[in-house]
Amino acid sequence: MSTDGLRLVDLGSDVLAQIANCLTHKEWARLAQVCRAFHSAVEEARARCTHANVDTLQLHRRSTLAYTIGHFVLRSTLNLRSLILRGTAIDDSQLDSFTHLKQLQTLDIASTDVTSLGLRCLWSLQSLNELDLTFCPYVSYSSVLELRQHCPNLKLIRRQPKWLDGVFVTPWDEIHTYYPCGAFSFTREFNSEGWVAQLRNHGEYLENRLIFVDEHNTGMRWRGRVGVLLKKLDIDPGKSTAEEDRVLVLQSRVHPEPPRAFPSDFFEVPPPGQTIDLLGGTIMVSTMKVGPFEAGCTEPPAELQTRLRQFCDARMPALPGSPDPGGLIRRESEATSLLSILENATDHFVIRRGPALVSALVADPLMEQEALGII
């Protein structure tokens, strides 16, 4: 290939390398087929590449990681340290492409359709130390515990936005501590430990559902249905420290689920340590001050993780006359939390339904869907 007697090989390897460095991963695949010179330049660029994201892969929001990209581009760029695919239509069928990235340290697949079962593909990534699963509704907390067990270097598993991490000071003299993975611990005797099972993004505010692992027997029917609305409050420019973070919390006084939405005429924000009532006292609004963790804290303490794992393995009492142990409590709890938050949802969040809900949440073989009322 030449122009007026100038051949590509005359450009020199340094010029060819600069050309390759300006292109995306998808363009590399095309360029490598032009000639041997560009093929060599592309191979060298792939060997040097340590980062890939939605832009370099030329993916649009909610687009699918196609076979040619996932199984060719990623498999040929084995030195990747960071892969950011937030907001794309990644699901379990594409996760297998990542298992070849043995050097991968950071993986962001937030706001995708991956499930607990699919995440087992990542167990082979022993270099992985950061994983973002925020707004992945089909990932259960049990998969977090499995990832920690099989990937010992995985120190940060995120299932919620960073502004929800920390120590919340409530107006009723309780301290609520939330960790990046969604695990929480409250300073009260009962209904004090568990995890955020579902978190839905409404744009200006978030909606959650909680699972308590130490819930009273009389309250078990509410497990997975309790939730609140949360909104991050802007702070004054002169108060930029983490100690000044504020979160507005709305909760129902009459139902376990949170209010349907922020009231359209709501303008008053109570100061920290105080609450206000809306709609005739049916909704309580509070502002909570949020302090940071100790430096280096990215996961719950070992004793809390142990109690959460024990709950994940706990079973309901067996049916009379049945030789089999009762079903896992977390199955019903996780299914309840998803169905509760989906009740009035109309966006992409509700596209996958039926048996997929169970397989997505429990991370083990399907049980009888009829037992959970899914189908």
Protein backbone atom coordinates (compact mmCIF):
# COMPACT_ATOMS: atom_id res chain seq x y z
CA MET A 1 0.00 0.00 0.00
CA SER A 2 1.54 3.33 -1.06
CA THR A 3 0.73 6.88 -2.17
CA ASP A 4 3.02 8.62 -4.73
CA GLY A 5 5.72 6.13 -3.95
CA LEU A 6 5.39 6.45 -0.16
CA ARG A 7 4.84 3.12 1.52
CA LEU A 8 3.44 2.54 5.03
CA VAL A 9 6.62 0.82 6.08
CA ASP A 10 8.47 4.06 5.21
CA LEU A 11 6.56 5.89 7.94
CA GLY A 12 8.47 4.06 10.63
CA SER A 13 7.23 2.04 13.55
CA ASP A 14 7.02 5.12 15.79
CA VAL A 15 4.59 6.88 13.43
CA LEU A 16 2.50 3.75 13.00
CA ALA A 17 2.38 3.37 16.79
CA GLN A 18 1.16 6.96 17.18
CA ILE A 19 -1.59 6.30 14.64
CA ALA A 20 -2.67 3.17 16.51
CA ASN A 21 -2.63 4.97 19.86
CA CYS A 22 -5.20 7.50 18.57
CA LEU A 23 -7.75 4.86 17.68
CA THR A 24 -10.40 2.97 19.64
CA HIS A 25 -10.43 -0.75 20.36
CA LYS A 26 -13.05 -1.29 17.69
CA GLU A 27 -10.96 0.61 15.13
CA TRP A 28 -7.94 -1.51 16.01
CA ALA A 29 -9.80 -4.60 14.86
CA ARG A 30 -10.34 -3.01 11.45
CA LEU A 31 -6.88 -1.47 11.16
CA ALA A 32 -5.13 -4.73 11.91
CA GLN A 33 -6.60 -6.19 8.72
CA VAL A 34 -5.19 -3.46 6.43
CA CYS A 35 -1.62 -4.73 6.16
CA ARG A 36 1.17 -6.38 8.12
CA ALA A 37 2.63 -3.05 9.23
CA PHE A 38 -0.60 -1.92 10.84
CA HIS A 39 -1.23 -5.40 12.23
CA SER A 40 2.10 -5.19 14.10
CA ALA A 41 1.36 -1.65 15.29
CA VAL A 42 -2.04 -2.72 16.60
CA GLU A 43 -0.62 -5.74 18.42
CA GLU A 44 1.94 -3.50 20.15
CA ALA A 45 -0.81 -1.01 21.09
CA ARG A 46 -2.91 -3.81 22.55
CA ALA A 47 0.03 -5.04 24.60
CA ARG A 48 0.50 -1.55 26.06
CA CYS A 49 -3.20 -0.92 26.69
CA THR A 50 -4.27 -1.08 30.34
CA HIS A 51 -7.65 0.71 30.21
CA ALA A 52 -10.88 0.31 28.25
CA ASN A 53 -14.25 2.01 28.63
CA VAL A 54 -17.53 2.65 26.83
CA ASP A 55 -15.93 5.32 24.64
CA THR A 56 -12.86 3.38 23.55
CA LEU A 57 -15.05 0.37 22.78
CA GLN A 58 -17.44 2.66 20.87
CA LEU A 59 -20.46 1.48 22.80
CA HIS A 60 -23.60 3.55 23.18
CA ARG A 61 -25.62 3.60 26.38
CA ARG A 62 -27.71 0.44 26.74
CA SER A 63 -25.89 -1.09 23.73
CA THR A 64 -24.85 -4.74 23.84
CA LEU A 65 -21.24 -5.82 24.06
CA ALA A 66 -21.20 -7.58 20.71
CA TYR A 67 -19.43 -10.88 20.12
CA THR A 68 -16.74 -9.26 17.97
CA ILE A 69 -15.92 -6.80 20.73
CA GLY A 70 -16.29 -8.99 23.77
CA HIS A 71 -14.72 -12.17 22.45
CA PHE A 72 -12.11 -10.66 20.13
CA VAL A 73 -11.12 -7.20 21.30
CA LEU A 74 -11.08 -7.97 25.03
CA ARG A 75 -9.46 -11.37 24.59
CA SER A 76 -6.72 -9.76 22.51
CA THR A 77 -6.05 -7.00 25.07
CA LEU A 78 -4.98 -9.18 27.94
CA ASN A 79 -3.05 -6.56 29.91
CA LEU A 80 -6.12 -4.51 30.80
CA ARG A 81 -6.06 -3.25 34.40
CA SER A 82 -9.30 -1.24 34.23
CA LEU A 83 -12.56 -1.92 32.36
CA ILE A 84 -15.47 0.54 32.64
CA LEU A 85 -18.76 -0.62 31.09
CA ARG A 86 -21.25 1.25 33.28
CA GLY A 87 -24.70 1.71 31.78
CA THR A 88 -24.37 -0.73 28.88
CA ALA A 89 -26.57 -3.74 28.18
CA ILE A 90 -24.02 -6.19 29.56
CA ASP A 91 -25.56 -9.41 30.80
CA ASP A 92 -24.29 -12.82 31.85
CA SER A 93 -23.63 -13.92 28.27
CA GLN A 94 -20.84 -11.34 27.95
CA LEU A 95 -19.21 -11.87 31.35
CA ASP A 96 -17.33 -14.92 30.08
CA SER A 97 -15.28 -12.54 27.89
CA PHE A 98 -13.73 -11.03 31.01
CA THR A 99 -12.29 -14.27 32.38
CA HIS A 100 -9.23 -13.90 30.09
CA LEU A 101 -8.29 -10.56 31.66
CA LYS A 102 -6.11 -12.01 34.41
CA GLN A 103 -4.45 -8.64 35.11
CA LEU A 104 -7.76 -6.82 35.60
CA GLN A 105 -7.89 -4.83 38.84
CA THR A 106 -10.91 -2.53 38.39
CA LEU A 107 -14.23 -3.55 36.81
CA ASP A 108 -17.27 -1.25 36.62
CA ILE A 109 -20.43 -2.97 35.39
CA ALA A 110 -22.87 -0.74 37.29
CA SER A 111 -26.36 -0.23 35.83
CA THR A 112 -26.19 -3.41 33.74
CA ASP A 113 -28.21 -6.63 33.56
CA VAL A 114 -25.65 -8.97 35.13
CA THR A 115 -26.97 -11.44 37.70
CA SER A 116 -25.67 -13.26 40.74
CA LEU A 117 -25.25 -16.45 38.74
CA GLY A 118 -23.29 -14.69 36.02
CA LEU A 119 -20.88 -13.11 38.49
CA ARG A 120 -19.42 -16.53 39.19
CA CYS A 121 -17.45 -16.07 35.96
CA LEU A 122 -15.38 -13.46 37.80
CA TRP A 123 -14.09 -15.84 40.47
CA SER A 124 -11.05 -16.59 38.29
CA LEU A 125 -9.95 -12.91 38.30
CA GLN A 126 -7.58 -13.12 41.23
CA SER A 127 -6.07 -9.65 40.60
CA LEU A 128 -9.45 -7.93 40.87
CA ASN A 129 -9.58 -5.46 43.78
CA GLU A 130 -12.47 -3.10 42.85
CA LEU A 131 -15.88 -4.10 41.48
CA ASP A 132 -18.82 -1.72 40.97
CA LEU A 133 -22.29 -3.34 40.88
CA THR A 134 -24.37 -0.26 41.72
CA PHE A 135 -27.93 -0.38 40.31
CA CYS A 136 -27.64 -4.03 39.25
CA PRO A 137 -31.09 -5.22 40.45
CA TYR A 138 -30.46 -8.92 39.75
CA VAL A 139 -27.41 -9.21 42.02
CA SER A 140 -28.08 -10.50 45.54
CA TYR A 141 -25.95 -9.91 48.60
CA SER A 142 -25.04 -13.59 48.76
CA SER A 143 -23.03 -13.08 45.55
CA VAL A 144 -21.01 -10.42 47.38
CA LEU A 145 -20.09 -12.94 50.05
CA GLU A 146 -19.15 -15.49 47.38
CA LEU A 147 -16.95 -12.97 45.56
CA ARG A 148 -15.09 -12.16 48.76
CA GLN A 149 -14.54 -15.85 49.38
CA HIS A 150 -13.20 -16.65 45.89
CA CYS A 151 -11.38 -13.35 45.15
CA PRO A 152 -9.28 -12.60 48.25
CA ASN A 153 -7.81 -9.41 46.74
CA LEU A 154 -11.24 -7.92 46.10
CA LYS A 155 -11.35 -5.26 48.80
CA LEU A 156 -14.01 -2.94 47.42
CA ILE A 157 -17.37 -4.25 46.19
CA ARG A 158 -19.72 -1.34 45.56
CA ARG A 159 -23.50 -1.77 45.38
CA GLN A 160 -24.49 1.81 46.21
CA PRO A 161 -23.34 5.36 45.28
CA LYS A 162 -20.40 6.64 47.27
CA TRP A 163 -22.47 9.37 48.96
CA LEU A 164 -24.42 6.66 50.82
CA ASP A 165 -21.25 5.29 52.44
CA GLY A 166 -20.59 6.33 56.01
CA VAL A 167 -22.05 6.92 59.44
CA PHE A 168 -25.55 8.44 59.46
CA VAL A 169 -26.60 10.33 62.60
CA THR A 170 -30.39 10.14 62.99
CA PRO A 171 -32.63 12.62 64.85
CA TRP A 172 -33.74 9.79 67.17
CA ASP A 173 -30.26 9.18 68.60
CA GLU A 174 -29.35 6.16 66.50
CA ILE A 175 -26.23 5.68 64.40
CA HIS A 176 -26.75 3.95 61.03
CA THR A 177 -23.56 2.74 59.35
CA TYR A 178 -23.70 1.80 55.65
CA TYR A 179 -20.81 0.12 53.83
CA PRO A 180 -20.08 0.30 50.05
CA CYS A 181 -21.45 -3.22 49.49
CA GLY A 182 -24.80 -2.20 51.02
CA ALA A 183 -24.35 -3.95 54.37
CA PHE A 184 -25.53 -1.90 57.34
CA SER A 185 -25.48 -1.85 61.12
CA PHE A 186 -27.78 0.24 63.35
CA THR A 187 -27.26 1.01 67.03
CA ARG A 188 -30.45 -0.59 68.32
CA GLU A 189 -31.40 -3.94 69.79
CA PHE A 190 -33.54 -5.43 67.00
CA ASN A 191 -33.82 -4.87 63.26
CA SER A 192 -30.29 -3.56 63.45
CA GLU A 193 -28.24 -5.49 60.84
CA GLY A 194 -28.68 -6.48 57.23
CA TRP A 195 -28.13 -5.18 53.72
CA VAL A 196 -29.66 -2.96 51.06
CA ALA A 197 -31.33 -5.53 48.82
CA GLN A 198 -32.58 -3.16 46.11
CA LEU A 199 -31.67 0.39 45.14
CA ARG A 200 -33.52 2.20 42.34
CA ASN A 201 -32.38 5.45 40.76
CA HIS A 202 -35.13 8.05 40.25
CA GLY A 203 -32.72 10.73 39.08
CA GLU A 204 -32.96 13.35 41.83
CA TYR A 205 -33.45 10.77 44.55
CA LEU A 206 -33.03 7.05 45.31
CA GLU A 207 -35.45 4.41 46.55
CA ASN A 208 -34.25 1.39 48.54
CA ARG A 209 -35.43 -1.85 50.13
CA LEU A 210 -33.76 -3.37 53.19
CA ILE A 211 -33.39 -6.93 54.46
CA PHE A 212 -32.89 -7.28 58.22
CA VAL A 213 -31.17 -10.45 59.35
CA ASP A 214 -32.19 -10.06 63.01
CA GLU A 215 -35.83 -9.19 62.49
CA HIS A 216 -38.47 -10.14 65.06
CA ASN A 217 -40.57 -13.17 64.15
CA THR A 218 -43.63 -10.95 64.25
CA GLY A 219 -42.05 -8.72 61.60
CA MET A 220 -40.72 -11.35 59.22
CA ARG A 221 -43.48 -10.67 56.72
CA TRP A 222 -42.02 -7.17 56.25
CA ARG A 223 -38.51 -8.40 55.49
CA GLY A 224 -37.51 -7.07 52.08
CA ARG A 225 -40.30 -4.50 51.98
CA VAL A 226 -38.96 -1.85 54.37
CA GLY A 227 -37.48 1.13 52.54
CA VAL A 228 -36.98 4.90 52.34
CA LEU A 229 -36.37 7.64 49.79
CA LEU A 230 -32.94 9.30 49.90
CA LYS A 231 -31.62 12.52 48.39
CA LYS A 232 -28.15 13.99 48.64
CA LEU A 233 -28.24 17.61 49.78
CA ASP A 234 -25.85 20.20 48.41
CA ILE A 235 -23.58 21.79 50.98
CA ASP A 236 -22.18 25.30 51.24
CA PRO A 237 -18.96 25.79 49.25
CA GLY A 238 -17.14 26.71 52.42
CA LYS A 239 -18.12 23.39 54.06
CA SER A 240 -16.55 20.85 51.76
CA THR A 241 -15.39 18.28 54.30
CA ALA A 242 -16.98 14.85 54.47
CA GLU A 243 -18.18 15.65 57.98
CA GLU A 244 -20.63 18.17 56.51
CA ASP A 245 -22.39 15.77 54.12
CA ARG A 246 -26.18 15.74 54.45
CA VAL A 247 -28.78 13.24 53.23
CA LEU A 248 -32.52 13.90 53.18
CA VAL A 249 -34.59 10.84 54.15
CA LEU A 250 -38.34 10.34 53.57
CA GLN A 251 -40.13 7.39 55.14
CA SER A 252 -43.73 6.34 55.60
CA ARG A 253 -45.21 6.18 59.09
CA VAL A 254 -48.03 3.85 58.02
CA HIS A 255 -46.47 1.38 55.56
CA PRO A 256 -43.14 -0.51 55.49
CA GLU A 257 -42.50 0.58 51.90
CA PRO A 258 -41.29 4.13 51.27
CA PRO A 259 -43.51 6.93 49.89
CA ARG A 260 -44.28 6.57 46.18
CA ALA A 261 -42.31 9.72 45.33
CA PHE A 262 -41.08 13.01 46.73
CA PRO A 263 -44.12 15.26 47.22
CA SER A 264 -44.22 17.82 44.39
CA ASP A 265 -44.84 20.71 46.79
CA PHE A 266 -42.05 19.76 49.21
CA PHE A 267 -39.60 22.60 49.85
CA GLU A 268 -38.78 22.55 53.56
CA VAL A 269 -35.61 20.78 54.66
CA PRO A 270 -35.34 20.18 58.40
CA PRO A 271 -31.99 20.86 60.07
CA PRO A 272 -30.00 17.83 61.28
CA GLY A 273 -31.45 16.42 64.47
CA GLN A 274 -35.03 17.39 63.64
CA THR A 275 -37.92 15.92 61.64
CA ILE A 276 -41.00 17.30 59.94
CA ASP A 277 -44.27 15.56 59.01
CA LEU A 278 -46.00 15.70 55.63
CA LEU A 279 -49.42 14.66 54.33
CA GLY A 280 -51.13 14.70 57.69
CA GLY A 281 -48.29 12.99 59.50
CA THR A 282 -48.13 9.97 57.21
CA ILE A 283 -44.62 10.81 55.99
CA MET A 284 -41.64 11.71 58.16
CA VAL A 285 -38.82 13.80 56.71
CA SER A 286 -35.41 14.01 58.35
CA THR A 287 -31.98 15.35 57.49
CA MET A 288 -29.10 13.14 58.56
CA LYS A 289 -25.51 14.18 58.93
CA VAL A 290 -23.15 11.65 57.32
CA GLY A 291 -19.63 11.16 58.63
CA PRO A 292 -16.86 9.20 56.91
CA PHE A 293 -15.44 5.80 57.78
CA GLU A 294 -12.02 5.39 59.24
CA ALA A 295 -9.31 5.67 56.60
CA GLY A 296 -8.97 2.50 54.52
CA CYS A 297 -12.37 1.04 55.48
CA THR A 298 -13.99 -0.49 52.38
CA GLU A 299 -15.90 -3.51 53.73
CA PRO A 300 -17.95 -4.46 56.83
CA PRO A 301 -16.16 -5.79 59.90
CA ALA A 302 -15.58 -9.54 59.97
CA GLU A 303 -18.18 -10.19 62.67
CA LEU A 304 -20.92 -8.47 60.64
CA GLN A 305 -19.94 -10.41 57.51
CA THR A 306 -20.18 -13.63 59.50
CA ARG A 307 -23.71 -12.83 60.69
CA LEU A 308 -24.81 -11.92 57.17
CA ARG A 309 -23.43 -15.20 55.83
CA GLN A 310 -25.19 -17.16 58.56
CA PHE A 311 -28.48 -15.57 57.51
CA CYS A 312 -27.82 -16.42 53.85
CA ASP A 313 -27.50 -20.08 54.84
CA ALA A 314 -30.46 -20.09 57.28
CA ARG A 315 -33.57 -22.05 56.35
CA MET A 316 -37.21 -21.74 57.17
CA PRO A 317 -38.78 -24.55 59.23
CA ALA A 318 -39.50 -27.67 57.17
CA LEU A 319 -43.07 -28.42 56.26
CA PRO A 320 -44.79 -30.96 58.55
CA GLY A 321 -43.95 -34.48 57.48
CA SER A 322 -41.34 -33.35 54.94
CA PRO A 323 -37.84 -34.92 55.16
CA ASP A 324 -36.28 -31.94 53.39
CA PRO A 325 -35.12 -28.81 55.21
CA GLY A 326 -37.13 -25.65 54.66
CA GLY A 327 -36.22 -23.19 51.90
CA LEU A 328 -33.58 -20.54 52.35
CA ILE A 329 -34.99 -17.46 54.08
CA ARG A 330 -32.94 -15.15 51.89
CA ARG A 331 -34.66 -16.50 48.76
CA GLU A 332 -38.07 -15.23 49.80
CA SER A 333 -36.59 -12.05 51.27
CA GLU A 334 -34.68 -11.13 48.09
CA ALA A 335 -37.65 -11.94 45.86
CA THR A 336 -39.92 -9.85 48.09
CA SER A 337 -37.54 -6.88 47.94
CA LEU A 338 -37.43 -6.91 44.13
CA LEU A 339 -41.15 -7.36 43.68
CA SER A 340 -41.81 -4.57 46.17
CA ILE A 341 -39.58 -2.05 44.39
CA LEU A 342 -40.91 -3.09 40.97
CA GLU A 343 -44.55 -2.66 41.88
CA ASN A 344 -45.03 0.63 40.02
CA ALA A 345 -41.85 0.68 37.93
CA THR A 346 -42.25 1.31 34.20
CA ASP A 347 -38.70 1.71 32.85
CA HIS A 348 -35.92 -0.72 31.85
CA PHE A 349 -35.83 -1.95 35.43
CA VAL A 350 -38.84 -4.19 34.83
CA ILE A 351 -38.00 -5.70 31.45
CA ARG A 352 -36.77 -9.01 32.85
CA ARG A 353 -39.49 -10.90 34.72
CA GLY A 354 -40.72 -14.37 35.51
CA PRO A 355 -38.27 -17.15 36.43
CA ALA A 356 -35.30 -14.87 35.63
CA LEU A 357 -36.03 -13.00 38.87
CA VAL A 358 -35.37 -16.06 41.01
CA SER A 359 -32.25 -17.25 39.20
CA ALA A 360 -30.87 -13.72 39.22
CA LEU A 361 -31.26 -13.16 42.94
CA VAL A 362 -30.52 -16.44 44.69
CA ALA A 363 -27.29 -17.43 42.89
CA ASP A 364 -28.05 -21.15 43.08
CA PRO A 365 -30.37 -23.51 41.17
CA LEU A 366 -33.97 -22.46 40.75
CA MET A 367 -36.48 -23.54 43.29
CA GLU A 368 -40.18 -23.89 42.49
CA GLN A 369 -41.18 -20.48 41.20
CA GLU A 370 -44.76 -21.05 42.23
CA ALA A 371 -43.67 -21.13 45.87
CA LEU A 372 -42.54 -17.53 45.61
CA GLY A 373 -45.46 -16.38 43.53
CA ILE A 374 -43.21 -15.35 40.65
CA ILE A 375 -45.09 -17.20 37.89
